[in-house]
N, C-alpha and C. Protein backbone atom coordinates (compact mmCIF):
# COMPACT_ATOMS: atom_id res chain seq x y z
N MET A 1 -1.38 7.93 15.21
CA MET A 1 -1.15 8.50 13.55
C MET A 1 -0.48 7.75 13.07
N PHE A 2 -1.40 7.48 12.13
CA PHE A 2 -1.67 6.51 11.23
C PHE A 2 -0.72 6.72 10.18
N LEU A 3 0.00 7.96 9.89
CA LEU A 3 0.75 8.16 8.75
C LEU A 3 2.63 8.25 9.67
N ALA A 4 3.14 7.84 10.93
CA ALA A 4 3.82 7.51 11.20
C ALA A 4 4.97 7.37 10.24
N ASP A 5 5.18 5.86 9.88
CA ASP A 5 5.83 5.37 9.58
C ASP A 5 6.16 6.35 7.75
N THR A 6 4.67 6.79 7.24
CA THR A 6 4.58 7.33 5.89
C THR A 6 6.09 8.39 6.08
N LEU A 7 5.38 8.84 7.10
CA LEU A 7 6.60 10.77 7.08
C LEU A 7 7.87 10.38 7.57
N ASN A 8 8.35 8.88 8.17
CA ASN A 8 9.72 8.64 7.78
C ASN A 8 10.20 8.60 6.29
N ASP A 9 9.68 7.89 5.67
CA ASP A 9 10.38 7.34 3.89
C ASP A 9 10.42 9.19 3.88
N LEU A 10 11.67 8.72 3.26
CA LEU A 10 13.01 10.25 2.79
C LEU A 10 12.20 11.07 2.61
N VAL A 11 11.54 10.55 1.28
CA VAL A 11 10.30 11.38 0.20
C VAL A 11 9.34 12.74 0.95
N TYR A 12 8.97 11.90 2.12
CA TYR A 12 8.10 12.31 2.67
C TYR A 12 8.86 13.25 4.07
N LYS A 13 10.04 13.65 4.19
CA LYS A 13 10.82 13.61 5.55
C LYS A 13 10.43 15.34 5.51
N PRO A 14 10.51 15.77 4.11
CA PRO A 14 10.37 17.36 4.18
C PRO A 14 9.33 18.37 5.20
N ILE A 15 7.84 17.13 4.99
CA ILE A 15 6.54 17.54 5.57
C ILE A 15 6.68 17.40 7.09
N LYS A 16 7.52 15.83 7.38
CA LYS A 16 6.89 15.40 8.71
C LYS A 16 6.54 16.12 10.28
N LYS A 17 7.66 17.68 10.08
CA LYS A 17 7.86 17.98 11.44
C LYS A 17 6.24 19.18 11.26
N PRO A 18 6.03 19.62 10.39
CA PRO A 18 4.55 20.97 9.59
C PRO A 18 3.54 19.73 9.92
N TYR A 19 3.89 18.25 9.65
CA TYR A 19 2.38 17.54 9.67
C TYR A 19 1.86 17.24 11.39
N GLU A 20 3.10 16.87 11.87
CA GLU A 20 3.17 16.44 13.54
C GLU A 20 2.57 17.84 14.26
N ILE A 21 3.23 19.04 13.99
CA ILE A 21 2.47 20.02 14.34
C ILE A 21 1.17 20.25 14.43
N TRP A 22 1.09 20.43 13.36
CA TRP A 22 -0.42 20.55 12.95
C TRP A 22 -1.85 19.64 13.19
N HIS A 23 -0.82 18.15 13.08
CA HIS A 23 -1.94 17.09 13.59
C HIS A 23 -2.41 17.30 15.17
N LYS A 24 -0.70 17.24 15.76
CA LYS A 24 -1.29 17.29 17.27
C LYS A 24 -2.14 18.39 17.80
N PHE A 25 -2.13 20.11 16.96
CA PHE A 25 -2.89 21.02 17.71
C PHE A 25 -4.32 20.57 17.28
N MET A 26 -4.69 19.60 16.20
CA MET A 26 -6.07 19.18 15.66
C MET A 26 -6.64 18.59 16.81
N GLU A 27 -5.57 18.04 16.68
CA GLU A 27 -6.03 16.71 18.18
C GLU A 27 -6.49 16.83 19.50
N GLN A 28 -5.47 18.16 19.72
CA GLN A 28 -5.57 18.70 21.28
C GLN A 28 -6.57 20.34 21.56
N ASN A 29 -6.57 20.81 20.24
CA ASN A 29 -7.38 21.91 20.43
C ASN A 29 -8.76 22.31 19.24
N VAL A 30 -8.86 21.25 18.34
CA VAL A 30 -10.09 21.92 17.34
C VAL A 30 -11.29 20.99 18.11
N GLU A 31 -12.13 21.23 18.07
CA GLU A 31 -13.51 20.99 18.79
C GLU A 31 -14.23 20.65 17.23
N PHE A 32 -15.06 19.51 16.77
CA PHE A 32 -15.20 19.36 15.46
C PHE A 32 -17.30 19.31 16.23
N TRP A 33 -18.12 19.88 15.85
CA TRP A 33 -19.21 19.52 15.67
C TRP A 33 -19.96 18.19 15.34
N LEU A 34 -19.02 17.50 14.26
CA LEU A 34 -19.32 16.77 14.08
C LEU A 34 -18.49 15.38 14.57
N PRO A 35 -18.16 14.87 15.43
CA PRO A 35 -18.13 13.80 15.88
C PRO A 35 -17.31 13.01 15.87
N GLU A 36 -19.22 11.99 15.52
CA GLU A 36 -19.10 11.34 15.01
C GLU A 36 -19.47 10.80 13.34
N SER A 37 -19.18 12.04 12.93
CA SER A 37 -19.33 12.35 11.00
C SER A 37 -18.74 10.76 10.61
N GLU A 38 -19.13 10.32 9.85
CA GLU A 38 -18.67 9.16 8.93
C GLU A 38 -17.83 9.61 7.92
N TRP A 39 -18.39 10.61 7.80
CA TRP A 39 -17.09 11.47 6.63
C TRP A 39 -15.95 12.60 6.59
N HIS A 40 -16.47 13.27 7.26
CA HIS A 40 -15.80 14.37 7.97
C HIS A 40 -15.56 14.39 9.00
N THR A 41 -14.30 13.74 8.92
CA THR A 41 -13.63 13.35 10.96
C THR A 41 -12.06 13.75 10.39
N LYS A 42 -11.38 13.81 12.08
CA LYS A 42 -10.36 13.89 12.29
C LYS A 42 -9.25 13.62 11.46
N THR A 43 -9.63 12.08 11.25
CA THR A 43 -8.94 11.22 9.76
C THR A 43 -8.80 11.78 9.02
N HIS A 44 -10.08 12.53 7.73
CA HIS A 44 -9.94 13.11 6.95
C HIS A 44 -9.23 14.48 6.97
N CYS A 45 -8.99 14.74 7.92
CA CYS A 45 -8.78 16.17 8.31
C CYS A 45 -7.13 15.84 7.85
N ALA A 46 -6.83 14.93 8.89
CA ALA A 46 -5.58 14.35 8.52
C ALA A 46 -5.04 14.23 6.96
N ARG A 47 -5.97 13.58 6.36
CA ARG A 47 -5.38 13.08 5.14
C ARG A 47 -4.89 14.28 4.44
N VAL A 48 -5.99 15.77 4.44
CA VAL A 48 -5.91 16.87 3.78
C VAL A 48 -4.57 17.30 3.76
N LEU A 49 -4.94 17.53 5.74
CA LEU A 49 -3.38 18.01 6.11
C LEU A 49 -1.89 17.14 5.04
N PHE A 50 -2.22 15.91 5.16
CA PHE A 50 -1.44 15.46 4.61
C PHE A 50 -0.79 16.29 2.90
N LEU A 51 -2.33 15.50 2.39
CA LEU A 51 -2.01 16.14 1.01
C LEU A 51 -1.50 17.38 0.44
N ALA A 52 -1.83 18.56 1.86
CA ALA A 52 -2.26 20.10 1.48
C ALA A 52 -0.62 19.86 1.48
N LEU A 53 0.08 19.44 2.71
CA LEU A 53 1.54 20.10 2.64
C LEU A 53 2.55 19.01 1.47
N LEU A 54 1.89 18.29 1.19
CA LEU A 54 3.01 17.30 0.49
C LEU A 54 3.35 18.33 -1.51
N ILE A 55 2.02 18.61 -1.19
CA ILE A 55 1.52 19.84 -2.28
C ILE A 55 2.37 21.26 -2.57
N GLY A 56 2.12 21.38 -1.14
CA GLY A 56 2.55 22.76 -0.53
C GLY A 56 4.05 23.04 -1.10
N HIS A 57 4.53 21.97 -0.46
CA HIS A 57 6.65 21.32 -0.55
C HIS A 57 6.72 21.39 -2.33
N GLN A 58 5.86 20.45 -2.84
CA GLN A 58 6.06 19.97 -4.28
C GLN A 58 6.26 21.61 -5.04
N LYS A 59 5.29 22.74 -4.31
CA LYS A 59 5.76 23.72 -5.12
C LYS A 59 6.48 25.03 -4.64
N GLY A 60 7.09 24.14 -3.73
CA GLY A 60 8.31 25.46 -3.03
C GLY A 60 7.69 26.36 -2.09
N LEU A 61 6.38 26.21 -1.60
CA LEU A 61 5.99 27.36 -0.64
C LEU A 61 6.74 27.76 0.82
N SER A 62 6.91 28.68 1.10
CA SER A 62 7.10 28.77 2.32
C SER A 62 6.85 28.24 3.10
N ALA A 63 7.52 28.40 4.78
CA ALA A 63 6.99 27.99 5.49
C ALA A 63 5.82 28.34 6.25
N LYS A 64 5.18 29.76 5.93
CA LYS A 64 4.52 30.70 6.84
C LYS A 64 3.00 30.24 5.37
N GLU A 65 3.56 29.44 4.30
CA GLU A 65 2.16 29.42 3.34
C GLU A 65 2.41 28.34 3.61
N ILE A 66 3.02 27.82 3.59
CA ILE A 66 2.94 26.03 4.59
C ILE A 66 1.99 26.03 5.82
N ASP A 67 2.56 26.78 6.58
CA ASP A 67 1.61 26.63 8.20
C ASP A 67 -0.07 27.28 7.29
N ALA A 68 -0.06 28.30 6.72
CA ALA A 68 -1.68 28.68 6.25
C ALA A 68 -2.59 27.48 6.17
N LEU A 69 -1.73 26.68 5.00
CA LEU A 69 -2.55 25.41 4.74
C LEU A 69 -2.78 24.84 5.94
N GLY A 70 -1.93 24.06 6.64
CA GLY A 70 -1.67 23.46 7.70
C GLY A 70 -2.76 23.61 8.93
N MET A 71 -3.48 24.76 9.04
CA MET A 71 -4.18 25.28 10.04
C MET A 71 -5.83 25.63 8.79
N ALA A 72 -5.34 25.72 7.78
CA ALA A 72 -7.32 25.59 6.66
C ALA A 72 -7.39 24.28 7.12
N ALA A 73 -6.22 23.61 6.66
CA ALA A 73 -6.66 21.57 6.77
C ALA A 73 -7.31 21.14 8.27
N VAL A 74 -7.28 21.84 9.57
CA VAL A 74 -7.06 21.15 10.67
C VAL A 74 -8.45 21.96 10.99
N PHE A 75 -8.90 23.19 10.58
CA PHE A 75 -10.08 23.90 10.76
C PHE A 75 -11.67 23.35 9.96
N HIS A 76 -10.89 23.31 8.56
CA HIS A 76 -12.09 23.71 7.51
C HIS A 76 -13.22 22.54 7.86
N ASP A 77 -13.60 21.51 8.15
CA ASP A 77 -14.61 20.78 8.13
C ASP A 77 -14.92 20.49 9.52
N SER A 78 -14.64 21.73 10.77
CA SER A 78 -14.61 21.61 11.96
C SER A 78 -16.19 22.41 12.61
N ARG A 79 -16.82 22.68 11.50
CA ARG A 79 -18.19 23.08 12.11
C ARG A 79 -19.82 22.60 11.55
N ARG A 80 -19.29 21.58 10.89
CA ARG A 80 -20.20 21.11 10.17
C ARG A 80 -21.34 20.80 10.80
N LEU A 81 -22.93 20.78 10.01
CA LEU A 81 -23.62 20.67 10.35
C LEU A 81 -24.60 19.45 10.31
N ASP A 82 -23.98 18.79 8.98
CA ASP A 82 -24.60 17.28 8.32
C ASP A 82 -23.55 16.70 7.49
N ASP A 83 -23.53 15.79 7.28
CA ASP A 83 -22.70 14.94 6.23
C ASP A 83 -22.67 15.65 4.56
N GLY A 84 -23.30 15.93 4.49
CA GLY A 84 -24.07 16.42 3.22
C GLY A 84 -23.06 17.53 2.27
N ILE A 85 -23.67 18.60 1.50
CA ILE A 85 -23.09 19.35 1.33
C ILE A 85 -22.65 20.44 2.09
N ASP A 86 -23.99 20.68 2.58
CA ASP A 86 -23.85 21.53 3.90
C ASP A 86 -23.02 23.31 3.80
N LYS A 87 -23.69 23.63 2.19
CA LYS A 87 -23.09 24.89 2.18
C LYS A 87 -23.15 25.67 3.44
N GLY A 88 -21.67 26.57 3.34
CA GLY A 88 -22.01 27.44 4.60
C GLY A 88 -20.87 27.11 6.11
N HIS A 89 -20.82 25.77 6.02
CA HIS A 89 -19.97 24.74 7.05
C HIS A 89 -18.22 25.79 7.06
N GLY A 90 -18.16 25.89 5.41
CA GLY A 90 -16.42 27.01 5.42
C GLY A 90 -16.68 28.12 6.00
N ARG A 91 -17.77 28.66 5.80
CA ARG A 91 -17.94 30.53 6.42
C ARG A 91 -17.31 29.90 8.21
N ARG A 92 -18.72 29.40 8.31
CA ARG A 92 -18.64 28.61 9.76
C ARG A 92 -17.47 28.54 10.65
N ALA A 93 -16.53 27.59 9.75
CA ALA A 93 -15.14 27.09 10.54
C ALA A 93 -14.25 28.20 10.66
N ALA A 94 -14.34 29.14 9.63
CA ALA A 94 -13.12 30.24 9.71
C ALA A 94 -13.86 31.06 10.20
N GLU A 95 -15.05 31.36 10.64
CA GLU A 95 -15.02 32.19 12.05
C GLU A 95 -14.62 31.86 13.45
N TYR A 96 -14.46 29.99 12.98
CA TYR A 96 -14.06 29.59 14.60
C TYR A 96 -12.88 29.59 14.64
N TYR A 97 -11.80 29.66 13.17
CA TYR A 97 -10.68 29.65 13.39
C TYR A 97 -10.06 31.17 14.03
N LYS A 98 -11.02 32.16 13.88
CA LYS A 98 -10.76 33.20 13.60
C LYS A 98 -10.75 33.84 15.52
N ASP A 99 -11.61 33.52 15.77
CA ASP A 99 -12.54 33.18 17.00
C ASP A 99 -10.85 32.74 17.96
N TYR A 100 -10.76 31.85 17.45
CA TYR A 100 -10.04 30.69 18.07
C TYR A 100 -8.41 31.52 18.40
N CYS A 101 -8.11 31.94 16.87
CA CYS A 101 -6.94 32.81 17.38
C CYS A 101 -6.60 33.77 18.05
N ARG A 102 -7.83 34.59 18.01
CA ARG A 102 -7.71 35.95 18.99
C ARG A 102 -8.00 35.49 20.61
N GLY A 103 -8.76 34.79 20.35
CA GLY A 103 -9.38 33.64 22.17
C GLY A 103 -8.02 33.16 22.36
N HIS A 104 -6.74 32.59 21.85
CA HIS A 104 -5.81 32.00 22.15
C HIS A 104 -4.29 32.57 22.00
N ASP A 105 -4.31 33.68 21.49
CA ASP A 105 -3.58 34.89 21.41
C ASP A 105 -2.51 33.67 20.80
N LEU A 106 -3.04 33.46 19.43
CA LEU A 106 -2.27 32.76 17.91
C LEU A 106 -2.15 34.13 17.03
N PRO A 107 -1.48 33.79 15.92
CA PRO A 107 -1.43 34.30 14.82
C PRO A 107 -2.26 34.10 13.93
N TYR A 108 -3.25 35.04 13.32
CA TYR A 108 -4.35 35.17 12.45
C TYR A 108 -3.67 35.19 11.00
N ASP A 109 -3.94 34.62 10.17
CA ASP A 109 -3.94 34.38 9.10
C ASP A 109 -5.03 34.78 7.90
N ALA A 110 -5.19 35.26 7.38
CA ALA A 110 -5.85 36.19 6.75
C ALA A 110 -6.31 35.11 5.35
N ARG A 111 -5.14 34.66 4.82
CA ARG A 111 -4.93 33.29 3.86
C ARG A 111 -6.12 32.23 4.14
N THR A 112 -5.76 31.90 5.58
CA THR A 112 -6.32 30.53 5.95
C THR A 112 -7.82 30.92 6.25
N TYR A 113 -8.08 31.91 6.55
CA TYR A 113 -9.05 32.23 6.86
C TYR A 113 -10.36 32.13 5.57
N TYR A 114 -9.82 32.92 4.42
CA TYR A 114 -10.82 32.65 3.05
C TYR A 114 -10.22 31.24 2.25
N ILE A 115 -9.21 30.82 2.59
CA ILE A 115 -9.47 29.22 2.07
C ILE A 115 -10.16 28.49 3.42
N THR A 116 -10.39 28.27 4.18
CA THR A 116 -11.39 27.79 4.81
C THR A 116 -13.16 28.24 4.41
N TYR A 117 -13.28 29.38 4.56
CA TYR A 117 -14.13 30.29 4.62
C TYR A 117 -14.85 29.80 2.88
N TYR A 118 -14.47 29.36 1.85
CA TYR A 118 -14.34 29.34 0.52
C TYR A 118 -13.98 27.96 0.07
N HIS A 119 -13.84 27.55 1.16
CA HIS A 119 -13.45 25.85 0.54
C HIS A 119 -14.75 25.21 -0.04
N ASP A 120 -15.91 25.37 0.72
CA ASP A 120 -16.77 24.78 -0.02
C ASP A 120 -17.81 25.20 -0.96
N GLN A 121 -17.27 26.44 -1.47
CA GLN A 121 -18.01 27.20 -2.54
C GLN A 121 -17.56 26.60 -3.69
N ASP A 122 -17.97 27.23 -4.77
CA ASP A 122 -17.68 26.80 -6.43
C ASP A 122 -15.93 27.69 -6.13
N ASP A 123 -15.16 27.51 -7.40
CA ASP A 123 -14.31 28.10 -7.48
C ASP A 123 -13.87 29.28 -8.13
N SER A 124 -15.34 29.43 -8.94
CA SER A 124 -15.61 31.05 -9.50
C SER A 124 -15.97 32.26 -8.36
N LEU A 125 -16.51 31.93 -7.44
CA LEU A 125 -16.75 32.68 -5.70
C LEU A 125 -15.35 32.72 -5.33
N GLY A 126 -14.48 31.61 -4.85
CA GLY A 126 -13.42 31.55 -3.63
C GLY A 126 -12.57 32.63 -4.72
N LEU A 127 -12.35 32.11 -5.73
CA LEU A 127 -11.15 32.87 -6.35
C LEU A 127 -11.51 34.74 -6.46
N SER A 128 -12.96 34.72 -7.26
CA SER A 128 -13.56 35.93 -7.16
C SER A 128 -12.74 36.14 -5.83
N GLU A 129 -13.77 36.28 -4.81
CA GLU A 129 -13.44 37.08 -3.07
C GLU A 129 -11.66 37.40 -2.54
N ILE A 130 -11.06 36.21 -2.94
CA ILE A 130 -9.52 36.30 -2.52
C ILE A 130 -9.31 37.14 -3.87
N ALA A 131 -9.49 37.80 -4.93
CA ALA A 131 -8.47 38.34 -5.91
C ALA A 131 -9.36 39.77 -5.32
N LYS A 132 -10.20 39.78 -5.14
CA LYS A 132 -10.88 41.09 -4.88
C LYS A 132 -10.48 41.70 -3.22
N SER A 133 -9.98 40.77 -2.37
CA SER A 133 -9.41 40.97 -1.11
C SER A 133 -7.73 41.83 -1.18
N SER A 134 -7.96 43.14 -0.74
CA SER A 134 -6.84 43.97 -0.57
C SER A 134 -5.56 43.05 0.21
N SER A 135 -5.66 42.63 1.48
CA SER A 135 -5.22 42.05 2.12
C SER A 135 -4.20 41.14 1.74
N LEU A 136 -5.01 40.68 0.98
CA LEU A 136 -4.22 39.50 0.00
C LEU A 136 -3.77 39.27 -1.42
N SER A 137 -2.34 38.57 -1.41
CA SER A 137 -1.78 38.52 -2.71
C SER A 137 -2.26 37.68 -3.48
N GLU A 138 -1.43 37.76 -4.44
CA GLU A 138 -1.69 36.49 -5.59
C GLU A 138 -1.19 34.83 -5.08
N ARG A 139 -0.48 34.99 -4.23
CA ARG A 139 -0.10 34.09 -3.68
C ARG A 139 -1.02 32.88 -3.21
N ALA A 140 -2.33 33.78 -2.24
CA ALA A 140 -3.63 33.22 -2.00
C ALA A 140 -4.26 32.35 -2.71
N ILE A 141 -3.89 32.99 -3.75
CA ILE A 141 -4.67 31.92 -5.31
C ILE A 141 -4.19 30.66 -5.44
N LEU A 142 -2.87 30.76 -4.85
CA LEU A 142 -1.90 29.35 -5.34
C LEU A 142 -2.58 28.05 -4.29
N LEU A 143 -2.29 29.19 -2.52
CA LEU A 143 -2.94 27.84 -1.42
C LEU A 143 -4.14 27.77 -1.76
N TYR A 144 -4.66 28.22 -1.85
CA TYR A 144 -6.52 28.00 -2.40
C TYR A 144 -6.48 26.70 -3.33
N GLN A 145 -6.21 27.05 -4.27
CA GLN A 145 -6.39 25.78 -5.31
C GLN A 145 -5.08 24.44 -5.01
N ILE A 146 -4.57 25.21 -4.20
CA ILE A 146 -3.32 23.72 -3.38
C ILE A 146 -4.38 23.25 -2.50
N PHE A 147 -5.30 23.63 -1.96
CA PHE A 147 -6.18 23.52 -0.61
C PHE A 147 -7.61 22.62 -0.93
N LYS A 148 -7.98 23.25 -2.14
CA LYS A 148 -9.20 22.73 -2.11
C LYS A 148 -8.61 21.33 -3.16
N ASP A 149 -7.48 20.99 -3.75
CA ASP A 149 -6.54 20.02 -4.51
C ASP A 149 -6.81 19.28 -3.45
N ALA A 150 -6.27 19.26 -2.29
CA ALA A 150 -6.16 18.17 -0.85
C ALA A 150 -7.10 17.85 -1.12
N ASP A 151 -8.32 18.51 -0.56
CA ASP A 151 -9.65 18.00 -0.10
C ASP A 151 -9.73 17.41 -1.21
N ALA A 152 -10.29 17.58 -1.85
CA ALA A 152 -10.94 16.94 -3.14
C ALA A 152 -10.35 15.40 -3.67
N LEU A 153 -8.92 15.48 -3.44
CA LEU A 153 -7.98 14.59 -3.48
C LEU A 153 -8.47 13.06 -2.39
N ASP A 154 -9.36 13.69 -1.47
CA ASP A 154 -9.89 12.54 -0.43
C ASP A 154 -11.06 12.12 -0.44
N ARG A 155 -11.57 12.35 -1.46
CA ARG A 155 -13.31 12.43 -1.88
C ARG A 155 -13.00 10.63 -2.02
N PHE A 156 -12.23 10.08 -2.41
CA PHE A 156 -12.25 8.06 -2.87
C PHE A 156 -13.06 8.07 -1.47
N ARG A 157 -12.93 8.69 -0.09
CA ARG A 157 -13.90 7.93 0.93
C ARG A 157 -15.05 7.95 0.97
N LEU A 158 -16.16 8.54 -0.15
CA LEU A 158 -17.17 9.01 -0.70
C LEU A 158 -17.69 7.72 -2.11
N GLY A 159 -16.40 7.14 -2.17
CA GLY A 159 -16.50 5.84 -3.45
C GLY A 159 -15.92 6.10 -4.52
N PRO A 160 -15.42 5.15 -4.90
CA PRO A 160 -14.60 4.64 -6.17
C PRO A 160 -14.72 5.76 -6.79
N ASP A 161 -16.17 6.13 -7.81
CA ASP A 161 -15.77 7.76 -8.33
C ASP A 161 -16.56 8.64 -8.17
N ALA A 162 -16.32 9.24 -6.86
CA ALA A 162 -16.43 10.11 -6.28
C ALA A 162 -15.13 11.94 -6.54
N LEU A 163 -14.04 11.25 -7.24
CA LEU A 163 -13.38 12.11 -7.48
C LEU A 163 -13.39 12.76 -9.33
N ASN A 164 -13.56 13.16 -9.55
CA ASN A 164 -13.27 13.89 -10.87
C ASN A 164 -11.81 14.40 -11.36
N VAL A 165 -11.11 13.77 -11.84
CA VAL A 165 -9.25 13.97 -12.03
C VAL A 165 -9.21 15.54 -12.79
N ASN A 166 -10.62 15.43 -14.00
CA ASN A 166 -10.47 16.69 -14.54
C ASN A 166 -10.88 17.92 -13.59
N LEU A 167 -11.15 18.08 -12.72
CA LEU A 167 -11.93 19.16 -12.01
C LEU A 167 -10.37 19.98 -10.74
N LEU A 168 -9.31 18.95 -10.76
CA LEU A 168 -8.20 19.11 -10.12
C LEU A 168 -7.20 20.08 -10.51
N ARG A 169 -7.17 21.47 -9.87
CA ARG A 169 -6.04 22.87 -10.51
C ARG A 169 -5.33 22.35 -10.46
N THR A 170 -4.15 21.11 -10.14
CA THR A 170 -2.61 21.15 -10.07
C THR A 170 -1.80 20.12 -10.54
N GLU A 171 -0.33 20.66 -11.29
CA GLU A 171 -0.71 19.27 -11.83
C GLU A 171 -0.14 17.94 -10.31
N GLU A 172 0.39 19.00 -9.64
CA GLU A 172 0.87 17.82 -8.51
C GLU A 172 -0.22 17.55 -8.33
N ALA A 173 -1.14 17.34 -7.78
CA ALA A 173 -2.87 16.90 -7.49
C ALA A 173 -2.45 15.68 -8.21
N HIS A 174 -2.51 16.02 -10.25
CA HIS A 174 -2.68 14.47 -10.54
C HIS A 174 -2.01 13.27 -10.70
N ARG A 175 -0.73 14.73 -10.12
CA ARG A 175 -0.17 13.15 -9.77
C ARG A 175 -0.09 12.54 -8.53
N LEU A 176 -1.00 13.32 -7.51
CA LEU A 176 -1.13 12.34 -6.45
C LEU A 176 -2.46 11.33 -6.05
N VAL A 177 -2.53 11.00 -7.69
CA VAL A 177 -4.29 10.21 -7.56
C VAL A 177 -4.10 8.73 -6.52
N ASN A 178 -3.35 8.11 -7.04
CA ASN A 178 -3.28 7.08 -6.72
C ASN A 178 -2.48 6.63 -4.82
N PHE A 179 -1.44 8.18 -4.77
CA PHE A 179 -0.98 7.89 -3.79
C PHE A 179 -2.43 8.42 -2.44
N ALA A 180 -3.28 8.74 -3.08
CA ALA A 180 -4.30 9.36 -2.10
C ALA A 180 -5.29 8.49 -1.89
N LYS A 181 -5.45 7.01 -2.85
CA LYS A 181 -6.36 6.23 -2.83
C LYS A 181 -5.84 5.41 -1.39
N TYR A 182 -4.43 5.41 -1.47
CA TYR A 182 -2.75 4.67 -0.87
C TYR A 182 -3.42 5.16 0.57
N LEU A 183 -3.39 6.67 0.88
CA LEU A 183 -3.52 7.13 2.19
C LEU A 183 -5.03 7.02 2.81
N LEU A 184 -6.04 6.29 1.93
CA LEU A 184 -7.17 6.47 2.45
C LEU A 184 -6.98 4.71 2.88
N GLN A 185 -6.78 3.93 2.15
CA GLN A 185 -6.88 2.70 2.24
C GLN A 185 -5.99 2.34 3.69
N LYS A 186 -5.35 3.04 3.69
CA LYS A 186 -3.88 2.35 5.20
C LYS A 186 -4.68 3.21 6.11
N SER A 187 -5.46 4.63 6.19
CA SER A 187 -6.39 4.75 7.30
C SER A 187 -7.14 3.98 7.64
N ARG A 188 -7.95 3.59 6.66
CA ARG A 188 -9.09 2.80 7.08
C ARG A 188 -8.25 1.30 7.70
N LYS A 189 -6.91 0.78 7.55
CA LYS A 189 -6.84 -0.05 8.43
C LYS A 189 -6.28 0.00 9.64
N THR A 190 -6.15 1.29 9.76
CA THR A 190 -5.16 1.26 10.99
C THR A 190 -6.94 1.38 12.14
N TYR A 191 -7.65 2.12 11.46
CA TYR A 191 -8.57 2.94 12.56
C TYR A 191 -9.71 1.57 11.86
N SER A 192 -9.40 0.29 11.72
CA SER A 192 -10.90 -0.21 11.91
C SER A 192 -10.73 -1.45 12.82
């Protein structure tokens, strides 16, 4: 695990356990349709997981909210058909998540479903659908924004100008831009 030494740093210790749990879960249980993908790999999902948990911790989320973000991170790109825009991969991944929970007697979280489903859509649609759902609280909007920021922060893997920082939704994400670059460099050194 390329983040093992980073997780031992006192600053990141609060997210170490949930990161290790969800990373192990992903490695052992989540099947990716594009295992040879150049951009949407388990390593990408691991960085998104780390960033989502970090932002969530900084926002003071509950353990259940942290778990909702963790589960979204490990499933979100699992059902891609290609490395392009592939609108709809979020819906496919959300259905995979729901079916996985049913088939493995795991607790299902509607927030994770919605975050995963709409992560590849424009915010106007994602936020509107979350707001319309009677089963979700306003906190689901915050989780969606955190997740979208964590996923966006890993856009540097696509090129040095791939992230438009003006589109980040949370102050925490704005403060993590350079750290996201560091995580990417660290993972490339580990896996090269």
